[in-house]
C-alpha atoms as a PDB file:
ATOM      1  CA  MET A   1     -14.977-148.138 -93.378  1.00  0.00           C
ATOM      2  CA  GLN A   2     -15.954-151.790 -93.003  1.00  0.00           C
ATOM      3  CA  VAL A   3     -15.582-152.222 -96.774  1.00  0.00           C
ATOM      4  CA  VAL A   4     -12.186-150.511 -96.651  1.00  0.00           C
ATOM      5  CA  HIS A   5     -11.108-152.815 -93.844  1.00  0.00           C
ATOM      6  CA  ARG A   6     -12.171-155.891 -95.858  1.00  0.00           C
ATOM      7  CA  LEU A   7     -10.424-154.652 -99.014  1.00  0.00           C
ATOM      8  CA  ILE A   8      -7.194-154.129 -97.110  1.00  0.00           C
ATOM      9  CA  ARG A   9      -7.438-157.554 -95.486  1.00  0.00           C
ATOM     10  CA  ALA A  10      -8.015-159.110 -98.924  1.00  0.00           C
ATOM     11  CA  ASN A  11      -4.978-157.229-100.286  1.00  0.00           C
ATOM     12  CA  LYS A  12      -7.122-155.467-102.926  1.00  0.00           C
ATOM     13  CA  ASN A  13      -6.146-152.264-104.691  1.00  0.00           C
ATOM     14  CA  PHE A  14      -8.712-149.439-104.359  1.00  0.00           C
ATOM     15  CA  ASP A  15      -9.119-145.673-104.266  1.00  0.00           C
ATOM     16  CA  LEU A  16     -11.044-143.827-101.570  1.00  0.00           C
ATOM     17  CA  LEU A  17     -11.849-140.145-101.270  1.00  0.00           C
ATOM     18  CA  VAL A  18     -13.268-138.847 -98.000  1.00  0.00           C
ATOM     19  CA  ILE A  19     -14.660-135.305 -98.066  1.00  0.00           C
ATOM     20  CA  PRO A  20     -15.161-134.123 -94.468  1.00  0.00           C
ATOM     21  CA  GLY A  21     -18.477-132.368 -93.934  1.00  0.00           C
ATOM     22  CA  ALA A  22     -19.937-133.495 -97.258  1.00  0.00           C
ATOM     23  CA  ASN A  23     -23.063-135.556 -97.703  1.00  0.00           C
ATOM     24  CA  HIS A  24     -22.884-139.152 -98.936  1.00  0.00           C
ATOM     25  CA  GLY A  25     -21.589-139.578-102.483  1.00  0.00           C
ATOM     26  CA  ALA A  26     -19.116-137.395-104.326  1.00  0.00           C
ATOM     27  CA  GLY A  27     -20.169-134.171-102.623  1.00  0.00           C
ATOM     28  CA  ARG A  28     -22.881-133.264-105.114  1.00  0.00           C
ATOM     29  CA  GLY A  29     -25.508-130.745-104.092  1.00  0.00           C
ATOM     30  CA  ASP A  30     -23.461-129.017-101.428  1.00  0.00           C
ATOM     31  CA  ARG A  31     -20.469-126.720-101.175  1.00  0.00           C
ATOM     32  CA  TYR A  32     -18.103-129.607-101.956  1.00  0.00           C
ATOM     33  CA  ALA A  33     -19.756-130.380-105.302  1.00  0.00           C
ATOM     34  CA  ALA A  34     -17.026-128.839-107.453  1.00  0.00           C
ATOM     35  CA  TYR A  35     -14.238-130.661-105.617  1.00  0.00           C
ATOM     36  CA  GLY A  36     -16.055-134.018-105.758  1.00  0.00           C
ATOM     37  CA  ALA A  37     -16.778-133.602-109.471  1.00  0.00           C
ATOM     38  CA  HIS A  38     -13.157-132.565-110.109  1.00  0.00           C
ATOM     39  CA  LYS A  39     -11.781-135.671-108.362  1.00  0.00           C
ATOM     40  CA  GLN A  40     -14.273-137.948-110.127  1.00  0.00           C
ATOM     41  CA  TYR A  41     -13.318-136.443-113.503  1.00  0.00           C
ATOM     42  CA  ASP A  42      -9.619-136.985-112.764  1.00  0.00           C
ATOM     43  CA  PHE A  43     -10.246-140.600-111.724  1.00  0.00           C
ATOM     44  CA  PHE A  44     -12.051-141.467-114.959  1.00  0.00           C
ATOM     45  CA  VAL A  45      -9.580-139.606-117.178  1.00  0.00           C
ATOM     46  CA  ARG A  46      -6.667-141.422-115.539  1.00  0.00           C
ATOM     47  CA  ASN A  47      -8.208-144.905-115.302  1.00  0.00           C
ATOM     48  CA  LEU A  48     -10.427-145.147-118.382  1.00  0.00           C
ATOM     49  CA  LEU A  49      -8.632-142.941-120.884  1.00  0.00           C
ATOM     50  CA  GLY A  50      -5.136-143.634-119.585  1.00  0.00           C
ATOM     51  CA  VAL A  51      -4.308-139.940-119.757  1.00  0.00           C
ATOM     52  CA  THR A  52      -2.812-137.711-117.084  1.00  0.00           C
ATOM     53  CA  PRO A  53      -5.411-135.144-115.966  1.00  0.00           C
ATOM     54  CA  PRO A  54      -4.575-131.461-116.413  1.00  0.00           C
ATOM     55  CA  PRO A  55      -2.628-129.682-113.656  1.00  0.00           C
ATOM     56  CA  TRP A  56      -5.637-128.073-111.907  1.00  0.00           C
ATOM     57  CA  ASN A  57      -3.502-125.945-109.600  1.00  0.00           C
ATOM     58  CA  SER A  58      -1.387-124.308-112.292  1.00  0.00           C
ATOM     59  CA  ALA A  59      -2.096-120.717-113.331  1.00  0.00           C
ATOM     60  CA  THR A  60      -2.900-121.680-116.942  1.00  0.00           C
ATOM     61  CA  ALA A  61      -5.328-124.456-115.995  1.00  0.00           C
ATOM     62  CA  ALA A  62      -7.113-122.439-113.298  1.00  0.00           C
ATOM     63  CA  GLY A  63      -8.903-120.262-115.805  1.00  0.00           C
ATOM     64  CA  SER A  64      -9.865-123.080-118.143  1.00  0.00           C
ATOM     65  CA  THR A  65     -11.181-125.827-115.848  1.00  0.00           C
ATOM     66  CA  GLN A  66     -14.861-125.113-116.459  1.00  0.00           C
ATOM     67  CA  SER A  67     -14.549-125.088-120.242  1.00  0.00           C
ATOM     68  CA  ALA A  68     -12.583-128.355-120.240  1.00  0.00           C
ATOM     69  CA  ARG A  69     -15.526-130.308-118.843  1.00  0.00           C
END
C-alpha cells in the first residue's frame, strides 16, 4: 500500500488487484488461482494486444474459457 500511496501522490496511472485471503502474487497455488490467472490474462490481452478480452460471464464464453488459454 505504500507503493500505491506513492503512485497516487506522483499522479501515476496504475492497475491494482487485491484478492482477499489469497497469498502474495496473483493467487497462484491456492483456491484463487483461476481468478488471478483470469485477471492477469485479461490485463495482458487488453494492454499488450490492444484487444478487448472475451466476456467471461456470458453463457457462450463460460464453457470455452479453458480452451481459449
